[in-house]
mmCIF file of all heavy atoms, coordinates in Angstrom:
data_MODEL
# 
_entry.id   MODEL 
# 
loop_
_atom_site.group_PDB 
_atom_site.id 
_atom_site.type_symbol 
_atom_site.label_atom_id 
_atom_site.label_alt_id 
_atom_site.label_comp_id 
_atom_site.label_asym_id 
_atom_site.label_entity_id 
_atom_site.label_seq_id 
_atom_site.pdbx_PDB_ins_code 
_atom_site.Cartn_x 
_atom_site.Cartn_y 
_atom_site.Cartn_z 
_atom_site.occupancy 
_atom_site.B_iso_or_equiv 
_atom_site.pdbx_formal_charge 
_atom_site.auth_seq_id 
_atom_site.auth_comp_id 
_atom_site.auth_asym_id 
_atom_site.auth_atom_id 
_atom_site.pdbx_PDB_model_num 
ATOM 1   N N   . SER A 1 1  ? 0.829   -1.201  0.037   1.00 0.00 ? 1  SER A N   1 
ATOM 2   C CA  . SER A 1 1  ? 0.009   0.013   -0.061  1.00 0.00 ? 1  SER A CA  1 
ATOM 3   C C   . SER A 1 1  ? 0.829   1.308   0.001   1.00 0.00 ? 1  SER A C   1 
ATOM 4   O O   . SER A 1 1  ? 2.010   1.158   0.375   1.00 0.00 ? 1  SER A O   1 
ATOM 5   C CB  . SER A 1 1  ? -0.911  -0.008  1.226   1.00 0.00 ? 1  SER A CB  1 
ATOM 6   O OG  . SER A 1 1  ? -0.171  0.099   2.400   1.00 0.00 ? 1  SER A OG  1 
ATOM 7   N N   . THR A 1 2  ? 0.194   2.251   -0.331  1.00 0.00 ? 2  THR A N   1 
ATOM 8   C CA  . THR A 1 2  ? 0.874   3.614   -0.372  1.00 0.00 ? 2  THR A CA  1 
ATOM 9   C C   . THR A 1 2  ? -0.086  4.711   -0.198  1.00 0.00 ? 2  THR A C   1 
ATOM 10  O O   . THR A 1 2  ? -1.301  4.484   -0.477  1.00 0.00 ? 2  THR A O   1 
ATOM 11  C CB  . THR A 1 2  ? 1.777   3.774   -1.601  1.00 0.00 ? 2  THR A CB  1 
ATOM 12  O OG1 . THR A 1 2  ? 2.646   4.972   -1.351  1.00 0.00 ? 2  THR A OG1 1 
ATOM 13  C CG2 . THR A 1 2  ? 0.916   4.128   -2.888  1.00 0.00 ? 2  THR A CG2 1 
ATOM 14  N N   . ILE A 1 3  ? 0.334   5.864   0.223   1.00 0.00 ? 3  ILE A N   1 
ATOM 15  C CA  . ILE A 1 3  ? -0.640  7.005   0.503   1.00 0.00 ? 3  ILE A CA  1 
ATOM 16  C C   . ILE A 1 3  ? -0.543  7.915   -0.646  1.00 0.00 ? 3  ILE A C   1 
ATOM 17  O O   . ILE A 1 3  ? 0.463   8.330   -1.202  1.00 0.00 ? 3  ILE A O   1 
ATOM 18  C CB  . ILE A 1 3  ? -0.321  7.580   1.831   1.00 0.00 ? 3  ILE A CB  1 
ATOM 19  C CG1 . ILE A 1 3  ? -0.369  6.635   2.944   1.00 0.00 ? 3  ILE A CG1 1 
ATOM 20  C CG2 . ILE A 1 3  ? -1.050  8.765   2.080   1.00 0.00 ? 3  ILE A CG2 1 
ATOM 21  C CD1 . ILE A 1 3  ? 0.197   7.115   4.259   1.00 0.00 ? 3  ILE A CD1 1 
ATOM 22  N N   . PHE A 1 4  ? -1.812  8.381   -1.159  1.00 0.00 ? 4  PHE A N   1 
ATOM 23  C CA  . PHE A 1 4  ? -1.924  9.317   -2.254  1.00 0.00 ? 4  PHE A CA  1 
ATOM 24  C C   . PHE A 1 4  ? -2.356  10.692  -1.658  1.00 0.00 ? 4  PHE A C   1 
ATOM 25  O O   . PHE A 1 4  ? -3.518  10.703  -1.091  1.00 0.00 ? 4  PHE A O   1 
ATOM 26  C CB  . PHE A 1 4  ? -2.814  8.699   -3.210  1.00 0.00 ? 4  PHE A CB  1 
ATOM 27  C CG  . PHE A 1 4  ? -3.240  9.562   -4.450  1.00 0.00 ? 4  PHE A CG  1 
ATOM 28  C CD1 . PHE A 1 4  ? -2.180  10.061  -5.202  1.00 0.00 ? 4  PHE A CD1 1 
ATOM 29  C CD2 . PHE A 1 4  ? -4.628  9.666   -4.787  1.00 0.00 ? 4  PHE A CD2 1 
ATOM 30  C CE1 . PHE A 1 4  ? -2.577  10.847  -6.198  1.00 0.00 ? 4  PHE A CE1 1 
ATOM 31  C CE2 . PHE A 1 4  ? -4.877  10.454  -5.873  1.00 0.00 ? 4  PHE A CE2 1 
ATOM 32  C CZ  . PHE A 1 4  ? -3.963  11.057  -6.577  1.00 0.00 ? 4  PHE A CZ  1 
ATOM 33  N N   . HIS A 1 5  ? -1.561  11.581  -1.754  1.00 0.00 ? 5  HIS A N   1 
ATOM 34  C CA  . HIS A 1 5  ? -1.938  12.984  -1.128  1.00 0.00 ? 5  HIS A CA  1 
ATOM 35  C C   . HIS A 1 5  ? -2.604  13.883  -2.122  1.00 0.00 ? 5  HIS A C   1 
ATOM 36  O O   . HIS A 1 5  ? -3.089  14.987  -1.795  1.00 0.00 ? 5  HIS A O   1 
ATOM 37  C CB  . HIS A 1 5  ? -0.800  13.565  -0.522  1.00 0.00 ? 5  HIS A CB  1 
ATOM 38  C CG  . HIS A 1 5  ? -0.205  12.898  0.708   1.00 0.00 ? 5  HIS A CG  1 
ATOM 39  N ND1 . HIS A 1 5  ? -0.927  13.017  1.927   1.00 0.00 ? 5  HIS A ND1 1 
ATOM 40  C CD2 . HIS A 1 5  ? 0.737   11.997  0.855   1.00 0.00 ? 5  HIS A CD2 1 
ATOM 41  C CE1 . HIS A 1 5  ? -0.297  12.278  2.803   1.00 0.00 ? 5  HIS A CE1 1 
ATOM 42  N NE2 . HIS A 1 5  ? 0.730   11.685  2.268   1.00 0.00 ? 5  HIS A NE2 1 
ATOM 43  N N   . GLY A 1 6  ? -2.451  13.627  -3.404  1.00 0.00 ? 6  GLY A N   1 
ATOM 44  C CA  . GLY A 1 6  ? -2.914  14.577  -4.413  1.00 0.00 ? 6  GLY A CA  1 
ATOM 45  C C   . GLY A 1 6  ? -4.375  14.624  -4.653  1.00 0.00 ? 6  GLY A C   1 
ATOM 46  O O   . GLY A 1 6  ? -4.806  14.905  -5.810  1.00 0.00 ? 6  GLY A O   1 
ATOM 47  N N   . THR A 1 7  ? -5.211  14.395  -3.672  1.00 0.00 ? 7  THR A N   1 
ATOM 48  C CA  . THR A 1 7  ? -6.704  14.323  -4.025  1.00 0.00 ? 7  THR A CA  1 
ATOM 49  C C   . THR A 1 7  ? -7.459  15.520  -3.890  1.00 0.00 ? 7  THR A C   1 
ATOM 50  O O   . THR A 1 7  ? -8.542  15.752  -4.572  1.00 0.00 ? 7  THR A O   1 
ATOM 51  C CB  . THR A 1 7  ? -7.378  13.409  -2.931  1.00 0.00 ? 7  THR A CB  1 
ATOM 52  O OG1 . THR A 1 7  ? -7.392  13.899  -1.674  1.00 0.00 ? 7  THR A OG1 1 
ATOM 53  C CG2 . THR A 1 7  ? -6.730  11.978  -2.888  1.00 0.00 ? 7  THR A CG2 1 
ATOM 54  N N   . GLY A 1 8  ? -7.042  16.536  -3.251  1.00 0.00 ? 8  GLY A N   1 
ATOM 55  C CA  . GLY A 1 8  ? -7.708  17.743  -3.040  1.00 0.00 ? 8  GLY A CA  1 
ATOM 56  C C   . GLY A 1 8  ? -8.829  17.702  -1.986  1.00 0.00 ? 8  GLY A C   1 
ATOM 57  O O   . GLY A 1 8  ? -9.364  18.700  -1.695  1.00 0.00 ? 8  GLY A O   1 
ATOM 58  N N   . ILE A 1 9  ? -9.036  16.534  -1.540  1.00 0.00 ? 9  ILE A N   1 
ATOM 59  C CA  . ILE A 1 9  ? -10.039 16.248  -0.478  1.00 0.00 ? 9  ILE A CA  1 
ATOM 60  C C   . ILE A 1 9  ? -9.482  15.689  0.799   1.00 0.00 ? 9  ILE A C   1 
ATOM 61  O O   . ILE A 1 9  ? -9.644  16.190  1.924   1.00 0.00 ? 9  ILE A O   1 
ATOM 62  C CB  . ILE A 1 9  ? -11.276 15.500  -0.948  1.00 0.00 ? 9  ILE A CB  1 
ATOM 63  C CG1 . ILE A 1 9  ? -10.878 14.192  -1.596  1.00 0.00 ? 9  ILE A CG1 1 
ATOM 64  C CG2 . ILE A 1 9  ? -12.130 16.342  -1.790  1.00 0.00 ? 9  ILE A CG2 1 
ATOM 65  C CD1 . ILE A 1 9  ? -11.976 13.293  -2.065  1.00 0.00 ? 9  ILE A CD1 1 
ATOM 66  N N   . ALA A 1 10 ? -8.787  14.631  0.672   1.00 0.00 ? 10 ALA A N   1 
ATOM 67  C CA  . ALA A 1 10 ? -8.125  14.002  1.798   1.00 0.00 ? 10 ALA A CA  1 
ATOM 68  C C   . ALA A 1 10 ? -7.158  12.984  1.280   1.00 0.00 ? 10 ALA A C   1 
ATOM 69  O O   . ALA A 1 10 ? -7.255  12.500  0.185   1.00 0.00 ? 10 ALA A O   1 
ATOM 70  C CB  . ALA A 1 10 ? -9.191  13.298  2.629   1.00 0.00 ? 10 ALA A CB  1 
ATOM 71  N N   . PRO A 1 11 ? -6.093  12.618  2.120   1.00 0.00 ? 11 PRO A N   1 
ATOM 72  C CA  . PRO A 1 11 ? -5.171  11.512  1.759   1.00 0.00 ? 11 PRO A CA  1 
ATOM 73  C C   . PRO A 1 11 ? -5.993  10.210  1.454   1.00 0.00 ? 11 PRO A C   1 
ATOM 74  O O   . PRO A 1 11 ? -6.869  9.926   2.244   1.00 0.00 ? 11 PRO A O   1 
ATOM 75  C CB  . PRO A 1 11 ? -4.275  11.436  2.759   1.00 0.00 ? 11 PRO A CB  1 
ATOM 76  C CG  . PRO A 1 11 ? -4.467  12.653  3.697   1.00 0.00 ? 11 PRO A CG  1 
ATOM 77  C CD  . PRO A 1 11 ? -5.823  13.093  3.409   1.00 0.00 ? 11 PRO A CD  1 
ATOM 78  N N   . LEU A 1 12 ? -5.545  9.556   0.580   1.00 0.00 ? 12 LEU A N   1 
ATOM 79  C CA  . LEU A 1 12 ? -6.173  8.163   0.236   1.00 0.00 ? 12 LEU A CA  1 
ATOM 80  C C   . LEU A 1 12 ? -5.061  7.129   0.411   1.00 0.00 ? 12 LEU A C   1 
ATOM 81  O O   . LEU A 1 12 ? -3.888  7.384   0.057   1.00 0.00 ? 12 LEU A O   1 
ATOM 82  C CB  . LEU A 1 12 ? -6.757  8.030   -1.073  1.00 0.00 ? 12 LEU A CB  1 
ATOM 83  C CG  . LEU A 1 12 ? -7.954  8.907   -1.429  1.00 0.00 ? 12 LEU A CG  1 
ATOM 84  C CD1 . LEU A 1 12 ? -8.229  8.846   -2.867  1.00 0.00 ? 12 LEU A CD1 1 
ATOM 85  C CD2 . LEU A 1 12 ? -9.198  8.457   -0.599  1.00 0.00 ? 12 LEU A CD2 1 
ATOM 86  N N   . THR A 1 13 ? -5.344  6.049   1.002   1.00 0.00 ? 13 THR A N   1 
ATOM 87  C CA  . THR A 1 13 ? -4.399  4.897   1.086   1.00 0.00 ? 13 THR A CA  1 
ATOM 88  C C   . THR A 1 13 ? -4.887  3.859   0.077   1.00 0.00 ? 13 THR A C   1 
ATOM 89  O O   . THR A 1 13 ? -6.057  3.455   0.088   1.00 0.00 ? 13 THR A O   1 
ATOM 90  C CB  . THR A 1 13 ? -4.335  4.245   2.412   1.00 0.00 ? 13 THR A CB  1 
ATOM 91  O OG1 . THR A 1 13 ? -3.910  5.185   3.320   1.00 0.00 ? 13 THR A OG1 1 
ATOM 92  C CG2 . THR A 1 13 ? -3.415  3.082   2.512   1.00 0.00 ? 13 THR A CG2 1 
ATOM 93  N N   . VAL A 1 14 ? -4.066  3.526   -0.884  1.00 0.00 ? 14 VAL A N   1 
ATOM 94  C CA  . VAL A 1 14 ? -4.437  2.495   -1.895  1.00 0.00 ? 14 VAL A CA  1 
ATOM 95  C C   . VAL A 1 14 ? -3.730  1.229   -1.495  1.00 0.00 ? 14 VAL A C   1 
ATOM 96  O O   . VAL A 1 14 ? -2.357  1.191   -1.314  1.00 0.00 ? 14 VAL A O   1 
ATOM 97  C CB  . VAL A 1 14 ? -4.028  2.930   -3.220  1.00 0.00 ? 14 VAL A CB  1 
ATOM 98  C CG1 . VAL A 1 14 ? -4.306  1.795   -4.353  1.00 0.00 ? 14 VAL A CG1 1 
ATOM 99  C CG2 . VAL A 1 14 ? -4.863  4.205   -3.727  1.00 0.00 ? 14 VAL A CG2 1 
ATOM 100 N N   . THR A 1 15 ? -4.293  0.145   -1.518  1.00 0.00 ? 15 THR A N   1 
ATOM 101 C CA  . THR A 1 15 ? -3.739  -1.214  -1.143  1.00 0.00 ? 15 THR A CA  1 
ATOM 102 C C   . THR A 1 15 ? -3.893  -2.123  -2.310  1.00 0.00 ? 15 THR A C   1 
ATOM 103 O O   . THR A 1 15 ? -5.005  -2.130  -2.912  1.00 0.00 ? 15 THR A O   1 
ATOM 104 C CB  . THR A 1 15 ? -4.463  -1.780  0.007   1.00 0.00 ? 15 THR A CB  1 
ATOM 105 O OG1 . THR A 1 15 ? -4.390  -0.869  1.122   1.00 0.00 ? 15 THR A OG1 1 
ATOM 106 C CG2 . THR A 1 15 ? -3.748  -3.128  0.493   1.00 0.00 ? 15 THR A CG2 1 
ATOM 107 N N   . ALA A 1 16 ? -2.966  -2.889  -2.577  1.00 0.00 ? 16 ALA A N   1 
ATOM 108 C CA  . ALA A 1 16 ? -2.997  -3.955  -3.713  1.00 0.00 ? 16 ALA A CA  1 
ATOM 109 C C   . ALA A 1 16 ? -2.405  -5.200  -3.152  1.00 0.00 ? 16 ALA A C   1 
ATOM 110 O O   . ALA A 1 16 ? -1.575  -5.391  -2.350  1.00 0.00 ? 16 ALA A O   1 
ATOM 111 C CB  . ALA A 1 16 ? -2.262  -3.401  -4.931  1.00 0.00 ? 16 ALA A CB  1 
ATOM 112 N N   . GLU A 1 17 ? -2.962  -6.302  -3.878  1.00 0.00 ? 17 GLU A N   1 
ATOM 113 C CA  . GLU A 1 17 ? -2.424  -7.596  -3.612  1.00 0.00 ? 17 GLU A CA  1 
ATOM 114 C C   . GLU A 1 17 ? -2.264  -8.242  -4.936  1.00 0.00 ? 17 GLU A C   1 
ATOM 115 O O   . GLU A 1 17 ? -3.170  -8.305  -5.682  1.00 0.00 ? 17 GLU A O   1 
ATOM 116 C CB  . GLU A 1 17 ? -3.407  -8.443  -2.776  1.00 0.00 ? 17 GLU A CB  1 
ATOM 117 C CG  . GLU A 1 17 ? -2.932  -9.854  -2.274  1.00 0.00 ? 17 GLU A CG  1 
ATOM 118 C CD  . GLU A 1 17 ? -3.896  -10.391 -1.444  1.00 0.00 ? 17 GLU A CD  1 
ATOM 119 O OE1 . GLU A 1 17 ? -4.559  -9.821  -0.602  1.00 0.00 ? 17 GLU A OE1 1 
ATOM 120 O OE2 . GLU A 1 17 ? -3.855  -11.680 -1.460  1.00 0.00 ? 17 GLU A OE2 1 
ATOM 121 N N   . ASP A 1 18 ? -1.104  -8.679  -5.262  1.00 0.00 ? 18 ASP A N   1 
ATOM 122 C CA  . ASP A 1 18 ? -0.692  -9.171  -6.546  1.00 0.00 ? 18 ASP A CA  1 
ATOM 123 C C   . ASP A 1 18 ? -1.058  -8.099  -7.630  1.00 0.00 ? 18 ASP A C   1 
ATOM 124 O O   . ASP A 1 18 ? -0.660  -6.949  -7.342  1.00 0.00 ? 18 ASP A O   1 
ATOM 125 C CB  . ASP A 1 18 ? -1.411  -10.501 -6.816  1.00 0.00 ? 18 ASP A CB  1 
ATOM 126 C CG  . ASP A 1 18 ? -1.055  -11.565 -5.839  1.00 0.00 ? 18 ASP A CG  1 
ATOM 127 O OD1 . ASP A 1 18 ? 0.193   -11.773 -5.519  1.00 0.00 ? 18 ASP A OD1 1 
ATOM 128 O OD2 . ASP A 1 18 ? -1.940  -12.257 -5.330  1.00 0.00 ? 18 ASP A OD2 1 
ATOM 129 N N   . ASP A 1 19 ? -1.854  -8.397  -8.588  1.00 0.00 ? 19 ASP A N   1 
ATOM 130 C CA  . ASP A 1 19 ? -2.263  -7.397  -9.612  1.00 0.00 ? 19 ASP A CA  1 
ATOM 131 C C   . ASP A 1 19 ? -3.665  -6.796  -9.426  1.00 0.00 ? 19 ASP A C   1 
ATOM 132 O O   . ASP A 1 19 ? -4.297  -6.429  -10.419 1.00 0.00 ? 19 ASP A O   1 
ATOM 133 C CB  . ASP A 1 19 ? -2.116  -8.029  -10.929 1.00 0.00 ? 19 ASP A CB  1 
ATOM 134 C CG  . ASP A 1 19 ? -0.555  -8.224  -11.298 1.00 0.00 ? 19 ASP A CG  1 
ATOM 135 O OD1 . ASP A 1 19 ? 0.234   -7.471  -10.880 1.00 0.00 ? 19 ASP A OD1 1 
ATOM 136 O OD2 . ASP A 1 19 ? -0.366  -9.215  -12.006 1.00 0.00 ? 19 ASP A OD2 1 
ATOM 137 N N   . TYR A 1 20 ? -4.154  -6.839  -8.192  1.00 0.00 ? 20 TYR A N   1 
ATOM 138 C CA  . TYR A 1 20 ? -5.531  -6.350  -7.913  1.00 0.00 ? 20 TYR A CA  1 
ATOM 139 C C   . TYR A 1 20 ? -5.496  -5.263  -6.813  1.00 0.00 ? 20 TYR A C   1 
ATOM 140 O O   . TYR A 1 20 ? -4.699  -5.334  -5.860  1.00 0.00 ? 20 TYR A O   1 
ATOM 141 C CB  . TYR A 1 20 ? -6.342  -7.557  -7.379  1.00 0.00 ? 20 TYR A CB  1 
ATOM 142 C CG  . TYR A 1 20 ? -6.615  -8.541  -8.304  1.00 0.00 ? 20 TYR A CG  1 
ATOM 143 C CD1 . TYR A 1 20 ? -5.790  -9.753  -8.385  1.00 0.00 ? 20 TYR A CD1 1 
ATOM 144 C CD2 . TYR A 1 20 ? -7.664  -8.551  -9.334  1.00 0.00 ? 20 TYR A CD2 1 
ATOM 145 C CE1 . TYR A 1 20 ? -5.898  -10.754 -9.351  1.00 0.00 ? 20 TYR A CE1 1 
ATOM 146 C CE2 . TYR A 1 20 ? -7.714  -9.566  -10.203 1.00 0.00 ? 20 TYR A CE2 1 
ATOM 147 C CZ  . TYR A 1 20 ? -6.860  -10.596 -10.207 1.00 0.00 ? 20 TYR A CZ  1 
ATOM 148 O OH  . TYR A 1 20 ? -7.109  -11.634 -11.193 1.00 0.00 ? 20 TYR A OH  1 
ATOM 149 N N   . ILE A 1 21 ? -6.444  -4.303  -7.075  1.00 0.00 ? 21 ILE A N   1 
ATOM 150 C CA  . ILE A 1 21 ? -6.639  -3.214  -5.990  1.00 0.00 ? 21 ILE A CA  1 
ATOM 151 C C   . ILE A 1 21 ? -7.590  -4.011  -4.964  1.00 0.00 ? 21 ILE A C   1 
ATOM 152 O O   . ILE A 1 21 ? -8.679  -4.402  -5.284  1.00 0.00 ? 21 ILE A O   1 
ATOM 153 C CB  . ILE A 1 21 ? -7.259  -2.036  -6.613  1.00 0.00 ? 21 ILE A CB  1 
ATOM 154 C CG1 . ILE A 1 21 ? -6.346  -1.346  -7.586  1.00 0.00 ? 21 ILE A CG1 1 
ATOM 155 C CG2 . ILE A 1 21 ? -7.743  -1.074  -5.450  1.00 0.00 ? 21 ILE A CG2 1 
ATOM 156 C CD1 . ILE A 1 21 ? -5.042  -0.889  -7.049  1.00 0.00 ? 21 ILE A CD1 1 
ATOM 157 N N   . THR A 1 22 ? -7.135  -3.918  -3.670  1.00 0.00 ? 22 THR A N   1 
ATOM 158 C CA  . THR A 1 22 ? -7.964  -4.510  -2.607  1.00 0.00 ? 22 THR A CA  1 
ATOM 159 C C   . THR A 1 22 ? -8.531  -3.429  -1.658  1.00 0.00 ? 22 THR A C   1 
ATOM 160 O O   . THR A 1 22 ? -9.365  -3.774  -0.894  1.00 0.00 ? 22 THR A O   1 
ATOM 161 C CB  . THR A 1 22 ? -7.102  -5.464  -1.835  1.00 0.00 ? 22 THR A CB  1 
ATOM 162 O OG1 . THR A 1 22 ? -5.883  -4.726  -1.364  1.00 0.00 ? 22 THR A OG1 1 
ATOM 163 C CG2 . THR A 1 22 ? -6.684  -6.669  -2.711  1.00 0.00 ? 22 THR A CG2 1 
ATOM 164 N N   . GLY A 1 23 ? -8.104  -2.191  -1.711  1.00 0.00 ? 23 GLY A N   1 
ATOM 165 C CA  . GLY A 1 23 ? -8.474  -1.161  -0.800  1.00 0.00 ? 23 GLY A CA  1 
ATOM 166 C C   . GLY A 1 23 ? -8.143  0.253   -1.214  1.00 0.00 ? 23 GLY A C   1 
ATOM 167 O O   . GLY A 1 23 ? -7.096  0.471   -1.916  1.00 0.00 ? 23 GLY A O   1 
ATOM 168 N N   . ILE A 1 24 ? -9.203  1.156   -1.229  1.00 0.00 ? 24 ILE A N   1 
ATOM 169 C CA  . ILE A 1 24 ? -8.867  2.519   -1.233  1.00 0.00 ? 24 ILE A CA  1 
ATOM 170 C C   . ILE A 1 24 ? -9.564  3.125   -0.097  1.00 0.00 ? 24 ILE A C   1 
ATOM 171 O O   . ILE A 1 24 ? -10.875 3.052   -0.001  1.00 0.00 ? 24 ILE A O   1 
ATOM 172 C CB  . ILE A 1 24 ? -9.418  3.101   -2.658  1.00 0.00 ? 24 ILE A CB  1 
ATOM 173 C CG1 . ILE A 1 24 ? -8.622  2.481   -3.809  1.00 0.00 ? 24 ILE A CG1 1 
ATOM 174 C CG2 . ILE A 1 24 ? -9.235  4.693   -2.588  1.00 0.00 ? 24 ILE A CG2 1 
ATOM 175 C CD1 . ILE A 1 24 ? -9.169  3.013   -5.081  1.00 0.00 ? 24 ILE A CD1 1 
ATOM 176 N N   . ASP A 1 25 ? -8.910  3.756   0.783   1.00 0.00 ? 25 ASP A N   1 
ATOM 177 C CA  . ASP A 1 25 ? -9.507  4.258   2.039   1.00 0.00 ? 25 ASP A CA  1 
ATOM 178 C C   . ASP A 1 25 ? -9.030  5.663   2.380   1.00 0.00 ? 25 ASP A C   1 
ATOM 179 O O   . ASP A 1 25 ? -7.939  6.034   2.045   1.00 0.00 ? 25 ASP A O   1 
ATOM 180 C CB  . ASP A 1 25 ? -8.900  3.293   3.132   1.00 0.00 ? 25 ASP A CB  1 
ATOM 181 C CG  . ASP A 1 25 ? -9.842  3.275   4.412   1.00 0.00 ? 25 ASP A CG  1 
ATOM 182 O OD1 . ASP A 1 25 ? -10.350 4.314   4.709   1.00 0.00 ? 25 ASP A OD1 1 
ATOM 183 O OD2 . ASP A 1 25 ? -10.040 2.234   4.987   1.00 0.00 ? 25 ASP A OD2 1 
# 
């Protein structure tokens, strides 16, 4: 996972497992 700060609303954490997105929080 990594944190995405460029949203303009709030930071998002994106989580992946293998080649799939498993979470955006």
